């Protein structure tokens, strides 16, 4: 799969997280383990990001570094949302989704799009 395809697929997949987390909040059920969700190398994008197909020269760039950090932050924040859900703290989960999660998600999507544009 091409670099552009990986990024495009990751943007779409991470967009689905919002729907999935919203459903967890609305249903009051965290159907995933927050510890597993917090891992940024467990999703398909994280596996690619840390895999061997990205050249070292790309890994040394600021775009890669930015995406790695924001991707890790994204997973940490998603895990926090699920922890709130698991503890019945709907208001806190809602607030996190509207604030920190929305910011990190937007920043990650922007960073991935910037990285993709820079690769051309």
N, C-alpha and C. Protein backbone atom coordinates (compact mmCIF):
# COMPACT_ATOMS: atom_id res chain seq x y z
N UNK A 1 0.85 -1.17 0.00
CA UNK A 1 0.00 0.00 0.00
C UNK A 1 0.90 1.24 0.00
N UNK A 2 0.50 2.24 -0.76
CA UNK A 2 1.31 3.45 -0.87
C UNK A 2 1.23 4.29 0.40
N UNK A 3 2.16 5.19 0.52
CA UNK A 3 2.21 6.12 1.65
C UNK A 3 0.90 6.89 1.75
N UNK A 4 0.45 7.43 0.62
CA UNK A 4 -0.79 8.22 0.60
C UNK A 4 -1.99 7.37 1.02
N UNK A 5 -2.01 6.12 0.56
CA UNK A 5 -3.11 5.23 0.92
C UNK A 5 -3.13 4.95 2.43
N UNK A 6 -1.94 4.75 3.00
CA UNK A 6 -1.85 4.49 4.45
C UNK A 6 -2.38 5.68 5.24
N UNK A 7 -1.99 6.89 4.85
CA UNK A 7 -2.42 8.10 5.55
C UNK A 7 -3.94 8.29 5.37
N UNK A 8 -4.42 8.14 4.14
CA UNK A 8 -5.84 8.31 3.87
C UNK A 8 -6.66 7.31 4.68
N UNK A 9 -6.22 6.08 4.72
CA UNK A 9 -6.92 5.05 5.48
C UNK A 9 -6.89 5.37 6.98
N UNK A 10 -5.76 5.87 7.45
CA UNK A 10 -5.63 6.21 8.87
C UNK A 10 -6.55 7.36 9.25
N UNK A 11 -6.65 8.35 8.39
CA UNK A 11 -7.54 9.48 8.68
C UNK A 11 -8.98 8.98 8.80
N UNK A 12 -9.38 8.11 7.89
CA UNK A 12 -10.74 7.56 7.94
C UNK A 12 -10.94 6.70 9.18
N UNK A 13 -9.98 5.84 9.49
CA UNK A 13 -10.09 4.96 10.65
C UNK A 13 -10.16 5.75 11.95
N UNK A 14 -9.36 6.78 12.07
CA UNK A 14 -9.38 7.56 13.29
C UNK A 14 -10.64 8.41 13.38
N UNK A 15 -11.23 8.74 12.24
CA UNK A 15 -12.53 9.41 12.24
C UNK A 15 -13.62 8.51 12.81
N UNK A 16 -13.50 7.21 12.57
CA UNK A 16 -14.47 6.25 13.10
C UNK A 16 -14.40 6.15 14.62
N UNK A 17 -13.23 6.45 15.18
CA UNK A 17 -13.09 6.42 16.63
C UNK A 17 -14.10 7.35 17.30
N UNK A 18 -14.33 8.52 16.72
CA UNK A 18 -15.26 9.47 17.31
C UNK A 18 -16.65 8.86 17.42
N UNK A 19 -17.10 8.21 16.37
CA UNK A 19 -18.41 7.56 16.39
C UNK A 19 -18.45 6.44 17.42
N UNK A 20 -17.39 5.66 17.46
CA UNK A 20 -17.32 4.53 18.38
C UNK A 20 -17.31 5.01 19.84
N UNK A 21 -16.52 6.04 20.13
CA UNK A 21 -16.48 6.58 21.49
C UNK A 21 -17.80 7.23 21.87
N UNK A 22 -18.41 7.94 20.92
CA UNK A 22 -19.71 8.56 21.17
C UNK A 22 -20.74 7.49 21.53
N UNK A 23 -20.71 6.39 20.81
CA UNK A 23 -21.62 5.28 21.09
C UNK A 23 -21.36 4.69 22.47
N UNK A 24 -20.09 4.55 22.84
CA UNK A 24 -19.74 4.03 24.17
C UNK A 24 -20.29 4.95 25.26
N UNK A 25 -20.15 6.25 25.07
CA UNK A 25 -20.66 7.21 26.05
C UNK A 25 -22.18 7.12 26.14
N UNK A 26 -22.83 7.13 24.98
CA UNK A 26 -24.29 7.10 24.96
C UNK A 26 -24.86 5.82 25.55
N UNK A 27 -24.18 4.70 25.31
CA UNK A 27 -24.64 3.39 25.82
C UNK A 27 -24.15 3.10 27.23
N UNK A 28 -23.18 3.89 27.69
CA UNK A 28 -22.62 3.65 29.02
C UNK A 28 -21.79 2.39 29.11
N UNK A 29 -21.29 1.92 27.96
CA UNK A 29 -20.51 0.68 27.93
C UNK A 29 -19.19 0.89 27.20
N UNK A 30 -18.11 0.62 27.91
CA UNK A 30 -16.79 0.64 27.29
C UNK A 30 -16.47 -0.79 26.87
N UNK A 31 -16.68 -1.07 25.59
CA UNK A 31 -16.52 -2.44 25.11
C UNK A 31 -15.08 -2.78 24.75
N UNK A 32 -14.18 -1.89 25.02
CA UNK A 32 -12.75 -2.14 24.80
C UNK A 32 -12.00 -1.81 26.08
N UNK A 33 -10.89 -2.45 26.25
CA UNK A 33 -10.04 -2.22 27.42
C UNK A 33 -9.27 -0.91 27.22
N UNK A 34 -9.43 0.06 28.11
CA UNK A 34 -8.70 1.32 27.97
C UNK A 34 -7.18 1.14 27.89
N UNK A 35 -6.65 0.14 28.55
CA UNK A 35 -5.20 -0.10 28.50
C UNK A 35 -4.78 -0.46 27.07
N UNK A 36 -5.58 -1.28 26.41
CA UNK A 36 -5.28 -1.65 25.02
C UNK A 36 -5.48 -0.46 24.08
N UNK A 37 -6.52 0.31 24.30
CA UNK A 37 -6.80 1.47 23.46
C UNK A 37 -5.68 2.50 23.59
N UNK A 38 -5.09 2.61 24.76
CA UNK A 38 -4.03 3.59 24.99
C UNK A 38 -2.77 3.28 24.18
N UNK A 39 -2.60 2.05 23.76
CA UNK A 39 -1.41 1.67 22.98
C UNK A 39 -1.52 2.24 21.57
N UNK A 40 -0.52 3.01 21.17
CA UNK A 40 -0.56 3.62 19.84
C UNK A 40 0.05 2.73 18.76
N UNK A 41 0.46 1.54 19.14
CA UNK A 41 1.03 0.62 18.15
C UNK A 41 0.11 -0.58 17.89
N UNK A 42 -1.10 -0.53 18.43
CA UNK A 42 -2.02 -1.64 18.28
C UNK A 42 -2.94 -1.52 17.08
N UNK A 43 -3.23 -0.30 16.67
CA UNK A 43 -4.11 -0.11 15.51
C UNK A 43 -3.29 -0.32 14.24
N UNK A 44 -3.99 -0.45 13.13
CA UNK A 44 -3.34 -0.70 11.85
C UNK A 44 -2.37 0.43 11.49
N UNK A 45 -2.79 1.68 11.72
CA UNK A 45 -1.92 2.82 11.42
C UNK A 45 -0.68 2.80 12.30
N UNK A 46 -0.85 2.52 13.59
CA UNK A 46 0.28 2.47 14.50
C UNK A 46 1.28 1.38 14.12
N UNK A 47 0.76 0.25 13.67
CA UNK A 47 1.64 -0.83 13.22
C UNK A 47 2.46 -0.39 12.01
N UNK A 48 1.81 0.32 11.08
CA UNK A 48 2.52 0.84 9.92
C UNK A 48 3.52 1.92 10.35
N UNK A 49 3.08 2.82 11.23
CA UNK A 49 3.90 3.94 11.68
C UNK A 49 5.20 3.47 12.32
N UNK A 50 5.12 2.39 13.09
CA UNK A 50 6.30 1.86 13.78
C UNK A 50 6.96 0.70 13.01
N UNK A 51 6.37 0.33 11.88
CA UNK A 51 6.89 -0.78 11.10
C UNK A 51 8.15 -0.43 10.34
N UNK A 52 8.56 -1.35 9.50
CA UNK A 52 9.84 -1.20 8.81
C UNK A 52 9.74 -0.59 7.41
N UNK A 53 8.53 -0.25 6.96
CA UNK A 53 8.41 0.23 5.59
C UNK A 53 8.65 1.73 5.43
N UNK A 54 8.68 2.48 6.52
CA UNK A 54 8.95 3.92 6.43
C UNK A 54 10.46 4.12 6.49
N UNK A 55 11.01 4.77 5.47
CA UNK A 55 12.46 4.98 5.43
C UNK A 55 12.96 5.83 6.61
N UNK A 56 14.20 5.56 7.01
CA UNK A 56 14.81 6.30 8.12
C UNK A 56 14.81 7.81 7.87
N UNK A 57 15.03 8.21 6.64
CA UNK A 57 15.06 9.64 6.33
C UNK A 57 13.70 10.28 6.62
N UNK A 58 12.62 9.56 6.35
CA UNK A 58 11.28 10.06 6.65
C UNK A 58 11.05 10.10 8.15
N UNK A 59 11.50 9.07 8.85
CA UNK A 59 11.36 9.02 10.31
C UNK A 59 12.09 10.17 11.00
N UNK A 60 13.13 10.66 10.38
CA UNK A 60 13.92 11.75 10.96
C UNK A 60 13.24 13.11 10.78
N UNK A 61 12.22 13.17 9.95
CA UNK A 61 11.56 14.44 9.64
C UNK A 61 10.59 14.90 10.72
N UNK A 62 10.33 16.18 10.73
CA UNK A 62 9.43 16.77 11.73
C UNK A 62 7.98 16.33 11.52
N UNK A 63 7.58 16.08 10.27
CA UNK A 63 6.20 15.63 10.03
C UNK A 63 5.96 14.28 10.68
N UNK A 64 6.90 13.36 10.52
CA UNK A 64 6.76 12.03 11.12
C UNK A 64 6.72 12.16 12.65
N UNK A 65 7.63 12.92 13.20
CA UNK A 65 7.71 13.10 14.65
C UNK A 65 6.41 13.68 15.20
N UNK A 66 5.86 14.65 14.50
CA UNK A 66 4.61 15.28 14.92
C UNK A 66 3.46 14.28 14.89
N UNK A 67 3.36 13.50 13.82
CA UNK A 67 2.28 12.51 13.70
C UNK A 67 2.41 11.45 14.78
N UNK A 68 3.61 10.98 15.04
CA UNK A 68 3.82 9.96 16.08
C UNK A 68 3.34 10.47 17.43
N UNK A 69 3.73 11.71 17.79
CA UNK A 69 3.33 12.25 19.09
C UNK A 69 1.81 12.45 19.18
N UNK A 70 1.23 13.04 18.14
CA UNK A 70 -0.21 13.28 18.16
C UNK A 70 -1.00 11.97 18.14
N UNK A 71 -0.49 10.98 17.42
CA UNK A 71 -1.15 9.68 17.38
C UNK A 71 -1.14 9.04 18.78
N UNK A 72 -0.02 9.14 19.47
CA UNK A 72 0.06 8.61 20.85
C UNK A 72 -0.89 9.38 21.76
N UNK A 73 -0.93 10.71 21.63
CA UNK A 73 -1.84 11.54 22.43
C UNK A 73 -3.30 11.15 22.16
N UNK A 74 -3.61 10.91 20.88
CA UNK A 74 -4.96 10.51 20.48
C UNK A 74 -5.38 9.23 21.21
N UNK A 75 -4.51 8.24 21.21
CA UNK A 75 -4.85 6.97 21.87
C UNK A 75 -4.97 7.13 23.38
N UNK A 76 -4.12 7.95 23.98
CA UNK A 76 -4.20 8.20 25.42
C UNK A 76 -5.53 8.87 25.78
N UNK A 77 -5.93 9.82 24.96
CA UNK A 77 -7.18 10.54 25.22
C UNK A 77 -8.38 9.62 25.02
N UNK A 78 -8.37 8.81 23.96
CA UNK A 78 -9.47 7.86 23.74
C UNK A 78 -9.59 6.90 24.92
N UNK A 79 -8.46 6.47 25.45
CA UNK A 79 -8.47 5.58 26.61
C UNK A 79 -9.07 6.27 27.83
N UNK A 80 -8.77 7.56 28.00
CA UNK A 80 -9.35 8.31 29.13
C UNK A 80 -10.86 8.40 29.00
N UNK A 81 -11.34 8.61 27.77
CA UNK A 81 -12.79 8.65 27.55
C UNK A 81 -13.40 7.32 27.99
N UNK A 82 -12.80 6.21 27.58
CA UNK A 82 -13.32 4.89 27.94
C UNK A 82 -13.24 4.63 29.44
N UNK A 83 -12.22 5.15 30.09
CA UNK A 83 -12.13 5.01 31.56
C UNK A 83 -13.30 5.73 32.22
N UNK A 84 -13.60 6.93 31.76
CA UNK A 84 -14.76 7.65 32.30
C UNK A 84 -16.04 6.86 32.07
N UNK A 85 -16.20 6.32 30.86
CA UNK A 85 -17.38 5.52 30.55
C UNK A 85 -17.47 4.32 31.49
N UNK A 86 -16.37 3.63 31.67
CA UNK A 86 -16.34 2.43 32.51
C UNK A 86 -16.71 2.73 33.96
N UNK A 87 -16.44 3.97 34.39
CA UNK A 87 -16.75 4.38 35.76
C UNK A 87 -18.07 5.14 35.85
N UNK A 88 -18.85 5.13 34.77
CA UNK A 88 -20.15 5.79 34.79
C UNK A 88 -20.08 7.31 34.84
N UNK A 89 -18.97 7.87 34.39
CA UNK A 89 -18.78 9.32 34.45
C UNK A 89 -19.04 9.94 33.07
N UNK A 90 -20.32 9.92 32.69
CA UNK A 90 -20.72 10.38 31.36
C UNK A 90 -20.38 11.86 31.14
N UNK A 91 -20.62 12.70 32.12
CA UNK A 91 -20.35 14.14 31.95
C UNK A 91 -18.87 14.39 31.69
N UNK A 92 -18.01 13.68 32.40
CA UNK A 92 -16.57 13.85 32.20
C UNK A 92 -16.15 13.34 30.81
N UNK A 93 -16.75 12.22 30.39
CA UNK A 93 -16.45 11.66 29.07
C UNK A 93 -16.90 12.64 27.98
N UNK A 94 -18.10 13.21 28.15
CA UNK A 94 -18.60 14.20 27.19
C UNK A 94 -17.68 15.42 27.11
N UNK A 95 -17.27 15.90 28.26
CA UNK A 95 -16.40 17.08 28.30
C UNK A 95 -15.06 16.79 27.63
N UNK A 96 -14.51 15.61 27.86
CA UNK A 96 -13.24 15.24 27.25
C UNK A 96 -13.39 15.13 25.73
N UNK A 97 -14.51 14.55 25.28
CA UNK A 97 -14.75 14.43 23.84
C UNK A 97 -14.86 15.81 23.19
N UNK A 98 -15.56 16.73 23.85
CA UNK A 98 -15.78 18.05 23.28
C UNK A 98 -14.53 18.92 23.33
N UNK A 99 -13.65 18.65 24.27
CA UNK A 99 -12.46 19.48 24.46
C UNK A 99 -11.19 18.84 23.93
N UNK A 100 -10.48 18.17 24.81
CA UNK A 100 -9.17 17.61 24.48
C UNK A 100 -9.21 16.64 23.31
N UNK A 101 -10.19 15.73 23.30
CA UNK A 101 -10.27 14.75 22.23
C UNK A 101 -10.48 15.44 20.88
N UNK A 102 -11.41 16.39 20.81
CA UNK A 102 -11.68 17.09 19.56
C UNK A 102 -10.43 17.83 19.06
N UNK A 103 -9.71 18.45 19.99
CA UNK A 103 -8.49 19.20 19.61
C UNK A 103 -7.42 18.25 19.08
N UNK A 104 -7.15 17.18 19.83
CA UNK A 104 -6.11 16.24 19.43
C UNK A 104 -6.48 15.56 18.10
N UNK A 105 -7.73 15.18 17.97
CA UNK A 105 -8.18 14.53 16.74
C UNK A 105 -7.99 15.45 15.53
N UNK A 106 -8.39 16.70 15.68
CA UNK A 106 -8.22 17.67 14.59
C UNK A 106 -6.75 17.91 14.29
N UNK A 107 -5.94 18.04 15.33
CA UNK A 107 -4.50 18.26 15.15
C UNK A 107 -3.85 17.06 14.45
N UNK A 108 -4.26 15.85 14.83
CA UNK A 108 -3.70 14.65 14.21
C UNK A 108 -4.09 14.58 12.74
N UNK A 109 -5.34 14.83 12.44
CA UNK A 109 -5.79 14.80 11.05
C UNK A 109 -5.04 15.83 10.22
N UNK A 110 -4.87 17.03 10.76
CA UNK A 110 -4.12 18.08 10.06
C UNK A 110 -2.67 17.69 9.85
N UNK A 111 -2.06 17.11 10.87
CA UNK A 111 -0.65 16.70 10.77
C UNK A 111 -0.49 15.59 9.73
N UNK A 112 -1.43 14.64 9.70
CA UNK A 112 -1.34 13.57 8.71
C UNK A 112 -1.52 14.12 7.30
N UNK A 113 -2.45 15.06 7.12
CA UNK A 113 -2.67 15.67 5.80
C UNK A 113 -1.44 16.47 5.37
N UNK A 114 -0.83 17.18 6.30
CA UNK A 114 0.38 17.95 6.00
C UNK A 114 1.51 17.01 5.60
N UNK A 115 1.65 15.92 6.34
CA UNK A 115 2.70 14.94 6.04
C UNK A 115 2.49 14.35 4.66
N UNK A 116 1.24 14.03 4.34
CA UNK A 116 0.93 13.46 3.03
C UNK A 116 1.25 14.46 1.93
N UNK A 117 0.87 15.73 2.12
CA UNK A 117 1.14 16.76 1.11
C UNK A 117 2.64 16.97 0.92
N UNK A 118 3.39 16.89 2.00
CA UNK A 118 4.84 17.09 1.94
C UNK A 118 5.55 15.93 1.23
N UNK A 119 4.88 14.80 1.17
CA UNK A 119 5.52 13.62 0.57
C UNK A 119 5.50 13.65 -0.96
N UNK A 120 4.71 14.58 -1.52
CA UNK A 120 4.61 14.65 -2.99
C UNK A 120 5.80 15.33 -3.59
